[in-house]
Amino acid sequence: MSRTYLVTGASSGIGKATAALLRTRGHTVIGADLKDSDISADLSTAEGRAVLVSRARELSGGRLDAVIACAGVAQPDPLTIKINYFGAVATLEGLRPLLAAGTDPRALVISSIDSVHPTDSAIVDAALTGDEEAAVVASRAAVDRGEGQLVYSSSKAAVSRWIRRAAVTDDWAGAGIPLNAVGPGVIVTPMIQPMLDDPAMRKLVEQSVPMPLHGYARPEQIAPLIDWLTSPENTHVTGQVVFVDGGADAVLRGDRTW
């Protein structure tokens, strides 16, 4: 049965690959991105987030069967927390009423293996309390002291924790809407390729994200899991961060499950 999906970050990377897969399987996909998509919206701003919700309501006729929040950046900059956490949460919360009107509704956000790396507690705590201004200030402070890499890992740790908290609430589980995250390892995209082409940077990547099973992945290899998690077949998986990382999580954390 054909379903209606909204995918953010649909013009590149995992979002583009997921949208393409869903379309080949006969589904309707409403794409959102900064440009070159059905909805043009800047999710780093309150205005852009409002535009996303408004246009999604118009284009979908007021109902969605699934929302997949793929939009994200990996910059040592406060923009990262604004998009990766606040933009993602605003997407999912803003579109939840449209999901409630859908059939077998499902929701998913892209996290990262970086969510298990060191983080900045000030950034994470501010995000989880919904204080965007404080999260931006904490992110800027991390950059200023030479720890800009913590902004990305903190954004992904925060959104993963939000998923865990929100998924079991009345708004999500109580409404019959599974809410999950997928945590990729290193995905070969135009954004990451320059790092892999630099021997020194590639060594750092290999050390921080060891992937013993088949090495680095392509966006097309992540899309099938996203498809299943947001399909009617998924009736009971919720509140989970499913790593698609070639074994990196197991290498980094050993046999600890939490």
C-alpha atoms as a PDB file:
ATOM      1  CA  MET A   1       0.000   0.000   0.000  1.00  0.00           C
ATOM      2  CA  SER A   2       1.343   3.406  -0.942  1.00  0.00           C
ATOM      3  CA  ARG A   3       2.270   5.673   1.953  1.00  0.00           C
ATOM      4  CA  THR A   4       3.110   9.363   2.240  1.00  0.00           C
ATOM      5  CA  TYR A   5       6.499  10.215   3.707  1.00  0.00           C
ATOM      6  CA  LEU A   6       8.173  13.493   4.542  1.00  0.00           C
ATOM      7  CA  VAL A   7      11.981  13.389   4.428  1.00  0.00           C
ATOM      8  CA  THR A   8      14.157  16.295   5.516  1.00  0.00           C
ATOM      9  CA  GLY A   9      17.661  16.580   4.108  1.00  0.00           C
ATOM     10  CA  ALA A  10      16.222  15.002   0.983  1.00  0.00           C
ATOM     11  CA  SER A  11      18.609  16.592  -1.506  1.00  0.00           C
ATOM     12  CA  SER A  12      21.765  14.783  -0.443  1.00  0.00           C
ATOM     13  CA  GLY A  13      23.281  11.893   1.465  1.00  0.00           C
ATOM     14  CA  ILE A  14      21.102   9.514   3.456  1.00  0.00           C
ATOM     15  CA  GLY A  15      17.993  11.641   2.949  1.00  0.00           C
ATOM     16  CA  LYS A  16      18.346  11.553  -0.830  1.00  0.00           C
ATOM     17  CA  ALA A  17      19.027   7.809  -0.868  1.00  0.00           C
ATOM     18  CA  THR A  18      16.064   7.117   1.415  1.00  0.00           C
ATOM     19  CA  ALA A  19      13.685   9.251  -0.638  1.00  0.00           C
ATOM     20  CA  ALA A  20      14.817   7.483  -3.813  1.00  0.00           C
ATOM     21  CA  LEU A  21      14.282   4.033  -2.285  1.00  0.00           C
ATOM     22  CA  LEU A  22      10.816   4.917  -1.006  1.00  0.00           C
ATOM     23  CA  ARG A  23       9.791   6.222  -4.413  1.00  0.00           C
ATOM     24  CA  THR A  24      10.960   3.040  -6.135  1.00  0.00           C
ATOM     25  CA  ARG A  25       8.682   1.148  -3.758  1.00  0.00           C
ATOM     26  CA  GLY A  26       5.681   3.177  -4.846  1.00  0.00           C
ATOM     27  CA  HIS A  27       5.428   5.659  -2.001  1.00  0.00           C
ATOM     28  CA  THR A  28       4.825   9.400  -2.164  1.00  0.00           C
ATOM     29  CA  VAL A  29       7.738  11.384  -0.779  1.00  0.00           C
ATOM     30  CA  ILE A  30       7.660  15.061   0.152  1.00  0.00           C
ATOM     31  CA  GLY A  31      11.246  16.220   0.311  1.00  0.00           C
ATOM     32  CA  ALA A  32      12.516  19.138   2.359  1.00  0.00           C
ATOM     33  CA  ASP A  33      15.917  20.812   2.236  1.00  0.00           C
ATOM     34  CA  LEU A  34      17.525  24.213   1.904  1.00  0.00           C
ATOM     35  CA  LYS A  35      16.966  24.054  -1.868  1.00  0.00           C
ATOM     36  CA  ASP A  36      16.238  21.655  -4.733  1.00  0.00           C
ATOM     37  CA  SER A  37      13.337  19.988  -2.931  1.00  0.00           C
ATOM     38  CA  ASP A  38       9.553  20.167  -2.551  1.00  0.00           C
ATOM     39  CA  ILE A  39       9.920  22.334   0.555  1.00  0.00           C
ATOM     40  CA  SER A  40      12.698  24.873   0.966  1.00  0.00           C
ATOM     41  CA  ALA A  41      13.269  25.542   4.651  1.00  0.00           C
ATOM     42  CA  ASP A  42      16.190  26.476   6.880  1.00  0.00           C
ATOM     43  CA  LEU A  43      15.812  24.293   9.969  1.00  0.00           C
ATOM     44  CA  SER A  44      18.375  26.315  11.896  1.00  0.00           C
ATOM     45  CA  THR A  45      15.739  29.033  12.363  1.00  0.00           C
ATOM     46  CA  ALA A  46      12.323  29.212  13.986  1.00  0.00           C
ATOM     47  CA  GLU A  47      10.958  30.722  10.771  1.00  0.00           C
ATOM     48  CA  GLY A  48      12.279  27.864   8.668  1.00  0.00           C
ATOM     49  CA  ARG A  49      10.834  25.271  11.021  1.00  0.00           C
ATOM     50  CA  ALA A  50       7.438  26.971  10.816  1.00  0.00           C
ATOM     51  CA  VAL A  51       7.654  27.002   7.021  1.00  0.00           C
ATOM     52  CA  LEU A  52       8.368  23.266   7.020  1.00  0.00           C
ATOM     53  CA  VAL A  53       5.293  22.470   9.089  1.00  0.00           C
ATOM     54  CA  SER A  54       3.030  24.825   7.139  1.00  0.00           C
ATOM     55  CA  ARG A  55       4.123  23.595   3.704  1.00  0.00           C
ATOM     56  CA  ALA A  56       4.022  19.962   4.815  1.00  0.00           C
ATOM     57  CA  ARG A  57       0.423  20.414   5.893  1.00  0.00           C
ATOM     58  CA  GLU A  58      -0.443  21.951   2.526  1.00  0.00           C
ATOM     59  CA  LEU A  59       1.355  19.393   0.371  1.00  0.00           C
ATOM     60  CA  SER A  60       0.199  16.356   2.349  1.00  0.00           C
ATOM     61  CA  GLY A  61      -3.424  17.377   2.701  1.00  0.00           C
ATOM     62  CA  GLY A  62      -3.051  17.312   6.473  1.00  0.00           C
ATOM     63  CA  ARG A  63      -1.823  13.738   6.930  1.00  0.00           C
ATOM     64  CA  LEU A  64       1.503  11.920   6.836  1.00  0.00           C
ATOM     65  CA  ASP A  65       2.261   8.248   7.313  1.00  0.00           C
ATOM     66  CA  ALA A  66       5.912   8.755   8.225  1.00  0.00           C
ATOM     67  CA  VAL A  67       8.438  11.487   8.974  1.00  0.00           C
ATOM     68  CA  ILE A  68      12.165  10.890   8.515  1.00  0.00           C
ATOM     69  CA  ALA A  69      14.385  13.670   9.856  1.00  0.00           C
ATOM     70  CA  CYS A  70      17.685  13.354   7.994  1.00  0.00           C
ATOM     71  CA  ALA A  71      18.693  17.031   7.806  1.00  0.00           C
ATOM     72  CA  GLY A  72      21.953  17.660   9.598  1.00  0.00           C
ATOM     73  CA  VAL A  73      25.418  19.176   9.445  1.00  0.00           C
ATOM     74  CA  ALA A  74      28.797  18.241  10.922  1.00  0.00           C
ATOM     75  CA  GLN A  75      30.510  21.563  11.540  1.00  0.00           C
ATOM     76  CA  PRO A  76      32.441  22.780  14.607  1.00  0.00           C
ATOM     77  CA  ASP A  77      29.936  25.588  14.878  1.00  0.00           C
ATOM     78  CA  PRO A  78      26.737  26.444  16.837  1.00  0.00           C
ATOM     79  CA  LEU A  79      24.793  25.888  13.600  1.00  0.00           C
ATOM     80  CA  THR A  80      25.236  22.173  14.242  1.00  0.00           C
ATOM     81  CA  ILE A  81      23.241  22.086  17.476  1.00  0.00           C
ATOM     82  CA  LYS A  82      20.588  24.356  15.950  1.00  0.00           C
ATOM     83  CA  ILE A  83      19.951  21.980  13.032  1.00  0.00           C
ATOM     84  CA  ASN A  84      20.863  18.548  14.403  1.00  0.00           C
ATOM     85  CA  TYR A  85      18.930  18.890  17.633  1.00  0.00           C
ATOM     86  CA  PHE A  86      16.510  21.799  17.633  1.00  0.00           C
ATOM     87  CA  GLY A  87      15.683  21.494  13.932  1.00  0.00           C
ATOM     88  CA  ALA A  88      15.131  17.749  14.215  1.00  0.00           C
ATOM     89  CA  VAL A  89      12.983  17.972  17.344  1.00  0.00           C
ATOM     90  CA  ALA A  90      10.934  20.814  15.848  1.00  0.00           C
ATOM     91  CA  THR A  91      10.398  18.696  12.728  1.00  0.00           C
ATOM     92  CA  LEU A  92       9.145  15.696  14.667  1.00  0.00           C
ATOM     93  CA  GLU A  93       7.044  17.624  17.162  1.00  0.00           C
ATOM     94  CA  GLY A  94       5.670  19.980  14.549  1.00  0.00           C
ATOM     95  CA  LEU A  95       4.612  17.202  12.220  1.00  0.00           C
ATOM     96  CA  ARG A  96       3.307  14.828  14.889  1.00  0.00           C
ATOM     97  CA  PRO A  97      -0.311  16.035  14.431  1.00  0.00           C
ATOM     98  CA  LEU A  98      -0.062  15.124  10.730  1.00  0.00           C
ATOM     99  CA  LEU A  99       1.259  11.696  11.702  1.00  0.00           C
ATOM    100  CA  ALA A 100      -1.642  11.244  14.107  1.00  0.00           C
ATOM    101  CA  ALA A 101      -3.951  11.642  11.107  1.00  0.00           C
ATOM    102  CA  GLY A 102      -1.991   9.113   9.047  1.00  0.00           C
ATOM    103  CA  THR A 103      -2.149   5.339   8.697  1.00  0.00           C
ATOM    104  CA  ASP A 104       0.306   3.234  10.706  1.00  0.00           C
ATOM    105  CA  PRO A 105       2.338   6.378  11.464  1.00  0.00           C
ATOM    106  CA  ARG A 106       6.085   6.134  12.104  1.00  0.00           C
ATOM    107  CA  ALA A 107       8.894   8.612  12.826  1.00  0.00           C
ATOM    108  CA  LEU A 108      12.673   8.476  12.726  1.00  0.00           C
ATOM    109  CA  VAL A 109      15.681  10.762  13.100  1.00  0.00           C
ATOM    110  CA  ILE A 110      19.289  10.301  12.036  1.00  0.00           C
ATOM    111  CA  SER A 111      21.680  10.124  14.985  1.00  0.00           C
ATOM    112  CA  SER A 112      25.323   8.981  14.669  1.00  0.00           C
ATOM    113  CA  ILE A 113      27.955   6.688  16.121  1.00  0.00           C
ATOM    114  CA  ASP A 114      29.442   9.971  17.337  1.00  0.00           C
ATOM    115  CA  SER A 115      26.712   9.991  19.990  1.00  0.00           C
ATOM    116  CA  VAL A 116      28.864   7.536  22.005  1.00  0.00           C
ATOM    117  CA  HIS A 117      31.951   9.771  21.746  1.00  0.00           C
ATOM    118  CA  PRO A 118      32.833  12.393  24.384  1.00  0.00           C
ATOM    119  CA  THR A 119      30.315  15.226  24.623  1.00  0.00           C
ATOM    120  CA  ASP A 120      29.932  18.621  26.265  1.00  0.00           C
ATOM    121  CA  SER A 121      27.435  18.302  29.110  1.00  0.00           C
ATOM    122  CA  ALA A 122      26.538  21.997  28.946  1.00  0.00           C
ATOM    123  CA  ILE A 123      25.448  21.630  25.314  1.00  0.00           C
ATOM    124  CA  VAL A 124      23.528  18.411  25.926  1.00  0.00           C
ATOM    125  CA  ASP A 125      21.806  19.640  29.089  1.00  0.00           C
ATOM    126  CA  ALA A 126      20.752  22.914  27.458  1.00  0.00           C
ATOM    127  CA  ALA A 127      19.346  21.052  24.457  1.00  0.00           C
ATOM    128  CA  LEU A 128      17.358  18.616  26.558  1.00  0.00           C
ATOM    129  CA  THR A 129      15.818  21.450  28.564  1.00  0.00           C
ATOM    130  CA  GLY A 130      14.833  23.167  25.313  1.00  0.00           C
ATOM    131  CA  ASP A 131      17.083  26.186  25.856  1.00  0.00           C
ATOM    132  CA  GLU A 132      18.370  26.867  22.350  1.00  0.00           C
ATOM    133  CA  GLU A 133      20.111  30.094  23.293  1.00  0.00           C
ATOM    134  CA  ALA A 134      22.078  28.397  26.065  1.00  0.00           C
ATOM    135  CA  ALA A 135      22.972  25.495  23.778  1.00  0.00           C
ATOM    136  CA  VAL A 136      24.319  27.937  21.201  1.00  0.00           C
ATOM    137  CA  VAL A 137      26.357  29.768  23.857  1.00  0.00           C
ATOM    138  CA  ALA A 138      27.785  26.458  25.126  1.00  0.00           C
ATOM    139  CA  SER A 139      28.595  25.391  21.574  1.00  0.00           C
ATOM    140  CA  ARG A 140      30.406  28.647  20.903  1.00  0.00           C
ATOM    141  CA  ALA A 141      32.368  28.215  24.125  1.00  0.00           C
ATOM    142  CA  ALA A 142      33.448  24.725  23.074  1.00  0.00           C
ATOM    143  CA  VAL A 143      34.666  26.089  19.744  1.00  0.00           C
ATOM    144  CA  ASP A 144      36.523  28.939  21.445  1.00  0.00           C
ATOM    145  CA  ARG A 145      38.461  26.581  23.686  1.00  0.00           C
ATOM    146  CA  GLY A 146      39.441  24.359  20.729  1.00  0.00           C
ATOM    147  CA  GLU A 147      36.889  21.586  21.299  1.00  0.00           C
ATOM    148  CA  GLY A 148      34.612  22.237  18.345  1.00  0.00           C
ATOM    149  CA  GLN A 149      34.365  18.510  17.622  1.00  0.00           C
ATOM    150  CA  LEU A 150      32.241  18.167  20.763  1.00  0.00           C
ATOM    151  CA  VAL A 151      29.439  20.212  19.225  1.00  0.00           C
ATOM    152  CA  TYR A 152      28.574  17.484  16.708  1.00  0.00           C
ATOM    153  CA  SER A 153      28.814  14.569  19.136  1.00  0.00           C
ATOM    154  CA  SER A 154      26.774  16.532  21.681  1.00  0.00           C
ATOM    155  CA  SER A 155      24.063  17.287  19.123  1.00  0.00           C
ATOM    156  CA  LYS A 156      23.711  13.605  18.274  1.00  0.00           C
ATOM    157  CA  ALA A 157      23.848  12.446  21.899  1.00  0.00           C
ATOM    158  CA  ALA A 158      21.141  14.956  22.782  1.00  0.00           C
ATOM    159  CA  VAL A 159      18.795  13.940  19.982  1.00  0.00           C
ATOM    160  CA  SER A 160      19.323  10.264  20.856  1.00  0.00           C
ATOM    161  CA  ARG A 161      18.394  10.944  24.470  1.00  0.00           C
ATOM    162  CA  TRP A 162      15.365  12.966  23.369  1.00  0.00           C
ATOM    163  CA  ILE A 163      14.199   9.981  21.304  1.00  0.00           C
ATOM    164  CA  ARG A 164      14.490   7.733  24.346  1.00  0.00           C
ATOM    165  CA  ARG A 165      12.491  10.152  26.462  1.00  0.00           C
ATOM    166  CA  ALA A 166       9.800  11.056  23.949  1.00  0.00           C
ATOM    167  CA  ALA A 167       9.163   7.643  22.393  1.00  0.00           C
ATOM    168  CA  VAL A 168       7.382   6.198  25.426  1.00  0.00           C
ATOM    169  CA  THR A 169       5.126   9.197  26.102  1.00  0.00           C
ATOM    170  CA  ASP A 170       1.424   9.510  25.374  1.00  0.00           C
ATOM    171  CA  ASP A 171       2.165  11.728  22.361  1.00  0.00           C
ATOM    172  CA  TRP A 172       4.141   8.958  20.661  1.00  0.00           C
ATOM    173  CA  ALA A 173       3.719   5.445  22.055  1.00  0.00           C
ATOM    174  CA  GLY A 174       0.336   6.347  23.454  1.00  0.00           C
ATOM    175  CA  ALA A 175      -0.730   7.491  19.989  1.00  0.00           C
ATOM    176  CA  GLY A 176       0.630   4.338  18.351  1.00  0.00           C
ATOM    177  CA  ILE A 177       3.610   6.075  16.703  1.00  0.00           C
ATOM    178  CA  PRO A 178       6.976   4.283  16.922  1.00  0.00           C
ATOM    179  CA  LEU A 179       9.805   6.829  17.235  1.00  0.00           C
ATOM    180  CA  ASN A 180      13.371   5.706  16.617  1.00  0.00           C
ATOM    181  CA  ALA A 181      16.825   6.810  15.519  1.00  0.00           C
ATOM    182  CA  VAL A 182      19.419   5.303  13.210  1.00  0.00           C
ATOM    183  CA  GLY A 183      23.068   5.858  14.130  1.00  0.00           C
ATOM    184  CA  PRO A 184      25.324   5.504  11.067  1.00  0.00           C
ATOM    185  CA  GLY A 185      29.064   5.086  11.175  1.00  0.00           C
ATOM    186  CA  VAL A 186      31.173   6.686   8.448  1.00  0.00           C
ATOM    187  CA  ILE A 187      29.052   7.218   5.342  1.00  0.00           C
ATOM    188  CA  VAL A 188      30.887   8.061   2.133  1.00  0.00           C
ATOM    189  CA  THR A 189      29.359  11.285   0.854  1.00  0.00           C
ATOM    190  CA  PRO A 190      30.785  14.373  -0.865  1.00  0.00           C
ATOM    191  CA  MET A 191      31.033  15.961   2.617  1.00  0.00           C
ATOM    192  CA  ILE A 192      33.262  13.221   4.056  1.00  0.00           C
ATOM    193  CA  GLN A 193      35.249  12.260   0.950  1.00  0.00           C
ATOM    194  CA  PRO A 194      37.888  15.041   1.286  1.00  0.00           C
ATOM    195  CA  MET A 195      38.694  13.763   4.783  1.00  0.00           C
ATOM    196  CA  LEU A 196      39.110  10.221   3.493  1.00  0.00           C
ATOM    197  CA  ASP A 197      41.360  11.441   0.684  1.00  0.00           C
ATOM    198  CA  ASP A 198      43.735  13.024   3.210  1.00  0.00           C
ATOM    199  CA  PRO A 199      45.939  10.258   4.734  1.00  0.00           C
ATOM    200  CA  ALA A 200      46.288  12.002   8.095  1.00  0.00           C
ATOM    201  CA  MET A 201      42.570  12.729   8.394  1.00  0.00           C
ATOM    202  CA  ARG A 202      41.667   9.232   7.218  1.00  0.00           C
ATOM    203  CA  LYS A 203      43.781   7.769  10.026  1.00  0.00           C
ATOM    204  CA  LEU A 204      41.896   9.894  12.560  1.00  0.00           C
ATOM    205  CA  VAL A 205      38.567   8.754  11.110  1.00  0.00           C
ATOM    206  CA  GLU A 206      39.634   5.107  11.283  1.00  0.00           C
ATOM    207  CA  GLN A 207      40.679   5.504  14.909  1.00  0.00           C
ATOM    208  CA  SER A 208      37.503   7.265  16.024  1.00  0.00           C
ATOM    209  CA  VAL A 209      35.078   5.112  14.007  1.00  0.00           C
ATOM    210  CA  PRO A 210      36.546   1.618  13.480  1.00  0.00           C
ATOM    211  CA  MET A 211      34.278  -0.372  11.148  1.00  0.00           C
ATOM    212  CA  PRO A 212      35.502  -3.996  10.899  1.00  0.00           C
ATOM    213  CA  LEU A 213      32.468  -5.206   8.947  1.00  0.00           C
ATOM    214  CA  HIS A 214      32.762  -4.124   5.282  1.00  0.00           C
ATOM    215  CA  GLY A 215      34.339  -0.761   6.136  1.00  0.00           C
ATOM    216  CA  TYR A 216      32.676   2.522   5.268  1.00  0.00           C
ATOM    217  CA  ALA A 217      29.096   2.547   4.001  1.00  0.00           C
ATOM    218  CA  ARG A 218      27.208   4.346   1.270  1.00  0.00           C
ATOM    219  CA  PRO A 219      23.929   6.186   1.875  1.00  0.00           C
ATOM    220  CA  GLU A 220      22.089   3.535  -0.148  1.00  0.00           C
ATOM    221  CA  GLN A 221      23.119   0.924   2.410  1.00  0.00           C
ATOM    222  CA  ILE A 222      21.427   2.810   5.254  1.00  0.00           C
ATOM    223  CA  ALA A 223      18.115   3.480   3.490  1.00  0.00           C
ATOM    224  CA  PRO A 224      16.640  -0.070   3.721  1.00  0.00           C
ATOM    225  CA  LEU A 225      16.770  -0.054   7.529  1.00  0.00           C
ATOM    226  CA  ILE A 226      15.118   3.364   7.620  1.00  0.00           C
ATOM    227  CA  ASP A 227      12.459   2.027   5.257  1.00  0.00           C
ATOM    228  CA  TRP A 228      11.693  -0.892   7.575  1.00  0.00           C
ATOM    229  CA  LEU A 229      11.663   1.128  10.792  1.00  0.00           C
ATOM    230  CA  THR A 230       9.137   3.538   9.266  1.00  0.00           C
ATOM    231  CA  SER A 231       6.997   0.830   7.672  1.00  0.00           C
ATOM    232  CA  PRO A 232       3.797  -0.767   9.041  1.00  0.00           C
ATOM    233  CA  GLU A 233       5.850  -3.937   9.659  1.00  0.00           C
ATOM    234  CA  ASN A 234       7.528  -2.220  12.591  1.00  0.00           C
ATOM    235  CA  THR A 235       4.936  -2.547  15.309  1.00  0.00           C
ATOM    236  CA  HIS A 236       7.032  -2.675  18.481  1.00  0.00           C
ATOM    237  CA  VAL A 237      10.497  -1.199  17.934  1.00  0.00           C
ATOM    238  CA  THR A 238      10.497   2.242  19.541  1.00  0.00           C
ATOM    239  CA  GLY A 239      12.834   4.445  21.559  1.00  0.00           C
ATOM    240  CA  GLN A 240      15.835   2.751  19.974  1.00  0.00           C
ATOM    241  CA  VAL A 241      19.049   4.076  18.442  1.00  0.00           C
ATOM    242  CA  VAL A 242      19.931   1.399  15.901  1.00  0.00           C
ATOM    243  CA  PHE A 243      23.585   1.639  14.925  1.00  0.00           C
ATOM    244  CA  VAL A 244      24.512   0.923  11.308  1.00  0.00           C
ATOM    245  CA  ASP A 245      28.219   1.250  11.884  1.00  0.00           C
ATOM    246  CA  GLY A 246      30.045  -1.858  10.695  1.00  0.00           C
ATOM    247  CA  GLY A 247      30.681  -2.820  14.312  1.00  0.00           C
ATOM    248  CA  ALA A 248      32.102   0.509  15.516  1.00  0.00           C
ATOM    249  CA  ASP A 249      29.877   0.693  18.604  1.00  0.00           C
ATOM    250  CA  ALA A 250      30.926  -2.815  19.670  1.00  0.00           C
ATOM    251  CA  VAL A 251      34.602  -1.952  19.161  1.00  0.00           C
ATOM    252  CA  LEU A 252      34.375   1.352  21.017  1.00  0.00           C
ATOM    253  CA  ARG A 253      32.208   0.240  23.941  1.00  0.00           C
ATOM    254  CA  GLY A 254      32.977  -3.471  24.109  1.00  0.00           C
ATOM    255  CA  ASP A 255      30.305  -5.742  25.560  1.00  0.00           C
ATOM    256  CA  ARG A 256      28.590  -2.981  27.538  1.00  0.00           C
ATOM    257  CA  THR A 257      24.994  -2.567  26.400  1.00  0.00           C
ATOM    258  CA  TRP A 258      24.452   0.744  28.215  1.00  0.00           C
END
